């Protein structure tokens, strides 16, 4: 008899976690600051949203975010090789009813062979202290922090 209440509690906990995941889902993503020897940073223009953004994307189930950022750079910009990613911070962003957690990495010494593709239409190198006017707000904040023009915020 003592097992039944314990099993019911576990079942109730599992059900509660499942309901919570539906009501307050969290998506985990990663972005990269890819900088060159001249101090410029790489920005990408997506096919499905306007403006310039830092390259990156989703983290797969059980995938380490440092692995995900390298995979995403391979998919998006044709990353050939780089030094190991350096973790810069974890940020939160509310997107509709979903919370996004974004792990930001600096990926130094990146070499890539970009070819426009279904997801990424264009790339550009930009001065992080003065990014293009149509740079997305989250990317603009990260670049201001990266160039020491602003203190770090926990919000994307």
C-alpha atoms as a PDB file:
ATOM      1  CA  UNK A   1       0.000   0.000   0.000  1.00  0.00           C
ATOM      2  CA  UNK A   2       2.823   2.412   0.653  1.00  0.00           C
ATOM      3  CA  UNK A   3       3.918   2.163  -2.998  1.00  0.00           C
ATOM      4  CA  UNK A   4       0.580   3.402  -4.377  1.00  0.00           C
ATOM      5  CA  UNK A   5       0.724   6.912  -2.858  1.00  0.00           C
ATOM      6  CA  UNK A   6       4.341   7.258  -3.995  1.00  0.00           C
ATOM      7  CA  UNK A   7       3.442   6.172  -7.543  1.00  0.00           C
ATOM      8  CA  UNK A   8       0.475   8.527  -7.563  1.00  0.00           C
ATOM      9  CA  UNK A   9       2.699  11.410  -6.437  1.00  0.00           C
ATOM     10  CA  UNK A  10       5.201  10.603  -9.187  1.00  0.00           C
ATOM     11  CA  UNK A  11       2.431  10.338 -11.780  1.00  0.00           C
ATOM     12  CA  UNK A  12       0.970  13.618 -10.537  1.00  0.00           C
ATOM     13  CA  UNK A  13       4.392  15.276 -10.717  1.00  0.00           C
ATOM     14  CA  UNK A  14       4.953  14.004 -14.260  1.00  0.00           C
ATOM     15  CA  UNK A  15       1.499  15.193 -15.326  1.00  0.00           C
ATOM     16  CA  UNK A  16       2.107  18.568 -13.678  1.00  0.00           C
ATOM     17  CA  UNK A  17       5.438  18.976 -15.453  1.00  0.00           C
ATOM     18  CA  UNK A  18       3.811  18.042 -18.759  1.00  0.00           C
ATOM     19  CA  UNK A  19       1.042  20.606 -18.291  1.00  0.00           C
ATOM     20  CA  UNK A  20       3.571  23.237 -17.261  1.00  0.00           C
ATOM     21  CA  UNK A  21       5.630  22.554 -20.400  1.00  0.00           C
ATOM     22  CA  UNK A  22       2.547  23.186 -22.528  1.00  0.00           C
ATOM     23  CA  UNK A  23       1.500  26.299 -20.616  1.00  0.00           C
ATOM     24  CA  UNK A  24       4.982  27.826 -20.216  1.00  0.00           C
ATOM     25  CA  UNK A  25       7.270  26.295 -22.837  1.00  0.00           C
ATOM     26  CA  UNK A  26      10.950  27.119 -22.941  1.00  0.00           C
ATOM     27  CA  UNK A  27      13.029  26.960 -26.114  1.00  0.00           C
ATOM     28  CA  UNK A  28      16.814  26.734 -25.883  1.00  0.00           C
ATOM     29  CA  UNK A  29      18.943  28.355 -28.551  1.00  0.00           C
ATOM     30  CA  UNK A  30      22.455  29.496 -29.152  1.00  0.00           C
ATOM     31  CA  UNK A  31      24.027  32.438 -30.972  1.00  0.00           C
ATOM     32  CA  UNK A  32      27.574  33.309 -31.915  1.00  0.00           C
ATOM     33  CA  UNK A  33      29.724  36.374 -32.071  1.00  0.00           C
ATOM     34  CA  UNK A  34      32.110  35.535 -34.868  1.00  0.00           C
ATOM     35  CA  UNK A  35      34.799  38.207 -35.002  1.00  0.00           C
ATOM     36  CA  UNK A  36      37.718  38.702 -37.355  1.00  0.00           C
ATOM     37  CA  UNK A  37      41.258  39.987 -36.829  1.00  0.00           C
ATOM     38  CA  UNK A  38      40.049  43.542 -37.557  1.00  0.00           C
ATOM     39  CA  UNK A  39      37.503  43.407 -34.725  1.00  0.00           C
ATOM     40  CA  UNK A  40      34.462  43.192 -36.997  1.00  0.00           C
ATOM     41  CA  UNK A  41      31.617  40.780 -36.264  1.00  0.00           C
ATOM     42  CA  UNK A  42      29.648  38.603 -38.637  1.00  0.00           C
ATOM     43  CA  UNK A  43      25.936  39.298 -39.046  1.00  0.00           C
ATOM     44  CA  UNK A  44      23.422  37.286 -41.059  1.00  0.00           C
ATOM     45  CA  UNK A  45      20.198  38.157 -42.862  1.00  0.00           C
ATOM     46  CA  UNK A  46      17.550  35.428 -42.640  1.00  0.00           C
ATOM     47  CA  UNK A  47      14.980  34.551 -45.293  1.00  0.00           C
ATOM     48  CA  UNK A  48      12.135  34.527 -42.743  1.00  0.00           C
ATOM     49  CA  UNK A  49      12.726  37.680 -40.654  1.00  0.00           C
ATOM     50  CA  UNK A  50      13.970  41.176 -41.319  1.00  0.00           C
ATOM     51  CA  UNK A  51      17.162  42.814 -40.177  1.00  0.00           C
ATOM     52  CA  UNK A  52      20.660  41.658 -39.334  1.00  0.00           C
ATOM     53  CA  UNK A  53      21.154  39.032 -36.628  1.00  0.00           C
ATOM     54  CA  UNK A  54      23.916  37.070 -34.956  1.00  0.00           C
ATOM     55  CA  UNK A  55      24.167  33.582 -36.465  1.00  0.00           C
ATOM     56  CA  UNK A  56      22.792  30.704 -34.436  1.00  0.00           C
ATOM     57  CA  UNK A  57      19.786  28.507 -33.872  1.00  0.00           C
ATOM     58  CA  UNK A  58      18.189  25.827 -31.766  1.00  0.00           C
ATOM     59  CA  UNK A  59      19.865  23.414 -29.402  1.00  0.00           C
ATOM     60  CA  UNK A  60      18.752  19.826 -29.962  1.00  0.00           C
ATOM     61  CA  UNK A  61      17.469  17.569 -27.182  1.00  0.00           C
ATOM     62  CA  UNK A  62      20.482  16.463 -25.144  1.00  0.00           C
ATOM     63  CA  UNK A  63      22.873  18.480 -27.356  1.00  0.00           C
ATOM     64  CA  UNK A  64      25.504  20.578 -25.566  1.00  0.00           C
ATOM     65  CA  UNK A  65      25.058  24.243 -26.561  1.00  0.00           C
ATOM     66  CA  UNK A  66      28.743  24.613 -27.515  1.00  0.00           C
ATOM     67  CA  UNK A  67      28.264  21.755 -29.981  1.00  0.00           C
ATOM     68  CA  UNK A  68      25.000  23.297 -31.232  1.00  0.00           C
ATOM     69  CA  UNK A  69      26.596  26.663 -31.986  1.00  0.00           C
ATOM     70  CA  UNK A  70      29.286  25.021 -34.142  1.00  0.00           C
ATOM     71  CA  UNK A  71      26.665  22.868 -35.901  1.00  0.00           C
ATOM     72  CA  UNK A  72      24.482  25.917 -36.561  1.00  0.00           C
ATOM     73  CA  UNK A  73      27.439  27.874 -37.956  1.00  0.00           C
ATOM     74  CA  UNK A  74      28.146  24.962 -40.285  1.00  0.00           C
ATOM     75  CA  UNK A  75      24.542  24.917 -41.486  1.00  0.00           C
ATOM     76  CA  UNK A  76      24.104  28.674 -41.753  1.00  0.00           C
ATOM     77  CA  UNK A  77      27.417  30.063 -42.982  1.00  0.00           C
ATOM     78  CA  UNK A  78      29.410  27.007 -44.057  1.00  0.00           C
ATOM     79  CA  UNK A  79      31.837  27.002 -41.109  1.00  0.00           C
ATOM     80  CA  UNK A  80      34.979  25.112 -42.123  1.00  0.00           C
ATOM     81  CA  UNK A  81      36.980  25.452 -38.903  1.00  0.00           C
ATOM     82  CA  UNK A  82      37.387  27.622 -35.823  1.00  0.00           C
ATOM     83  CA  UNK A  83      38.897  27.740 -32.375  1.00  0.00           C
ATOM     84  CA  UNK A  84      36.779  26.328 -29.565  1.00  0.00           C
ATOM     85  CA  UNK A  85      33.699  28.410 -28.708  1.00  0.00           C
ATOM     86  CA  UNK A  86      34.035  30.678 -25.667  1.00  0.00           C
ATOM     87  CA  UNK A  87      30.914  30.976 -23.493  1.00  0.00           C
ATOM     88  CA  UNK A  88      29.886  34.623 -22.996  1.00  0.00           C
ATOM     89  CA  UNK A  89      26.554  34.351 -21.210  1.00  0.00           C
ATOM     90  CA  UNK A  90      23.036  33.021 -20.902  1.00  0.00           C
ATOM     91  CA  UNK A  91      20.154  35.338 -21.783  1.00  0.00           C
ATOM     92  CA  UNK A  92      16.379  35.177 -21.612  1.00  0.00           C
ATOM     93  CA  UNK A  93      13.838  36.490 -24.085  1.00  0.00           C
ATOM     94  CA  UNK A  94      10.064  36.367 -24.036  1.00  0.00           C
ATOM     95  CA  UNK A  95       8.699  35.555 -27.467  1.00  0.00           C
ATOM     96  CA  UNK A  96       4.916  35.460 -27.398  1.00  0.00           C
ATOM     97  CA  UNK A  97       4.010  32.825 -24.794  1.00  0.00           C
ATOM     98  CA  UNK A  98       7.370  31.071 -25.115  1.00  0.00           C
ATOM     99  CA  UNK A  99      10.504  31.841 -23.133  1.00  0.00           C
ATOM    100  CA  UNK A 100      13.726  31.576 -25.087  1.00  0.00           C
ATOM    101  CA  UNK A 101      17.000  30.893 -23.326  1.00  0.00           C
ATOM    102  CA  UNK A 102      19.951  31.877 -25.487  1.00  0.00           C
ATOM    103  CA  UNK A 103      23.522  30.752 -24.841  1.00  0.00           C
ATOM    104  CA  UNK A 104      25.929  33.218 -26.438  1.00  0.00           C
ATOM    105  CA  UNK A 105      29.396  32.165 -27.542  1.00  0.00           C
ATOM    106  CA  UNK A 106      32.324  33.925 -29.134  1.00  0.00           C
ATOM    107  CA  UNK A 107      33.700  31.767 -31.939  1.00  0.00           C
ATOM    108  CA  UNK A 108      37.193  33.026 -32.752  1.00  0.00           C
ATOM    109  CA  UNK A 109      39.350  32.212 -35.772  1.00  0.00           C
ATOM    110  CA  UNK A 110      36.341  31.125 -37.796  1.00  0.00           C
ATOM    111  CA  UNK A 111      36.879  30.159 -41.394  1.00  0.00           C
ATOM    112  CA  UNK A 112      33.811  29.651 -43.522  1.00  0.00           C
ATOM    113  CA  UNK A 113      32.637  29.316 -47.104  1.00  0.00           C
ATOM    114  CA  UNK A 114      29.278  31.079 -47.195  1.00  0.00           C
ATOM    115  CA  UNK A 115      26.823  30.262 -49.952  1.00  0.00           C
ATOM    116  CA  UNK A 116      23.356  31.852 -49.768  1.00  0.00           C
ATOM    117  CA  UNK A 117      20.850  29.191 -48.762  1.00  0.00           C
ATOM    118  CA  UNK A 118      17.197  28.680 -47.849  1.00  0.00           C
ATOM    119  CA  UNK A 119      17.690  30.093 -44.344  1.00  0.00           C
ATOM    120  CA  UNK A 120      20.504  32.654 -44.678  1.00  0.00           C
ATOM    121  CA  UNK A 121      20.373  34.999 -47.648  1.00  0.00           C
ATOM    122  CA  UNK A 122      23.333  37.239 -46.886  1.00  0.00           C
ATOM    123  CA  UNK A 123      26.194  37.872 -44.459  1.00  0.00           C
ATOM    124  CA  UNK A 124      28.124  41.033 -43.659  1.00  0.00           C
ATOM    125  CA  UNK A 125      31.005  42.096 -41.462  1.00  0.00           C
ATOM    126  CA  UNK A 126      30.136  44.988 -39.163  1.00  0.00           C
ATOM    127  CA  UNK A 127      31.784  47.184 -36.566  1.00  0.00           C
ATOM    128  CA  UNK A 128      30.275  45.971 -33.254  1.00  0.00           C
ATOM    129  CA  UNK A 129      30.375  49.546 -31.905  1.00  0.00           C
ATOM    130  CA  UNK A 130      28.334  50.766 -34.889  1.00  0.00           C
ATOM    131  CA  UNK A 131      26.238  47.951 -36.400  1.00  0.00           C
ATOM    132  CA  UNK A 132      24.002  48.531 -39.444  1.00  0.00           C
ATOM    133  CA  UNK A 133      20.840  50.506 -38.737  1.00  0.00           C
ATOM    134  CA  UNK A 134      18.533  47.521 -39.288  1.00  0.00           C
ATOM    135  CA  UNK A 135      20.319  45.221 -36.814  1.00  0.00           C
ATOM    136  CA  UNK A 136      17.854  43.358 -34.580  1.00  0.00           C
ATOM    137  CA  UNK A 137      17.534  44.808 -31.051  1.00  0.00           C
ATOM    138  CA  UNK A 138      18.880  41.698 -29.280  1.00  0.00           C
ATOM    139  CA  UNK A 139      21.916  41.511 -31.554  1.00  0.00           C
ATOM    140  CA  UNK A 140      22.451  45.258 -31.121  1.00  0.00           C
ATOM    141  CA  UNK A 141      22.478  44.845 -27.300  1.00  0.00           C
ATOM    142  CA  UNK A 142      24.959  41.962 -27.433  1.00  0.00           C
ATOM    143  CA  UNK A 143      27.249  43.924 -29.770  1.00  0.00           C
ATOM    144  CA  UNK A 144      27.139  46.975 -27.469  1.00  0.00           C
ATOM    145  CA  UNK A 145      28.181  44.724 -24.584  1.00  0.00           C
ATOM    146  CA  UNK A 146      30.858  43.040 -26.705  1.00  0.00           C
ATOM    147  CA  UNK A 147      32.340  46.421 -27.681  1.00  0.00           C
ATOM    148  CA  UNK A 148      32.166  47.605 -24.029  1.00  0.00           C
ATOM    149  CA  UNK A 149      29.639  50.326 -24.836  1.00  0.00           C
ATOM    150  CA  UNK A 150      27.028  48.882 -22.458  1.00  0.00           C
ATOM    151  CA  UNK A 151      26.867  46.780 -19.301  1.00  0.00           C
ATOM    152  CA  UNK A 152      25.682  43.187 -19.674  1.00  0.00           C
ATOM    153  CA  UNK A 153      21.944  42.637 -19.400  1.00  0.00           C
ATOM    154  CA  UNK A 154      20.349  39.237 -18.725  1.00  0.00           C
ATOM    155  CA  UNK A 155      17.678  39.943 -21.365  1.00  0.00           C
ATOM    156  CA  UNK A 156      18.157  39.215 -25.046  1.00  0.00           C
END
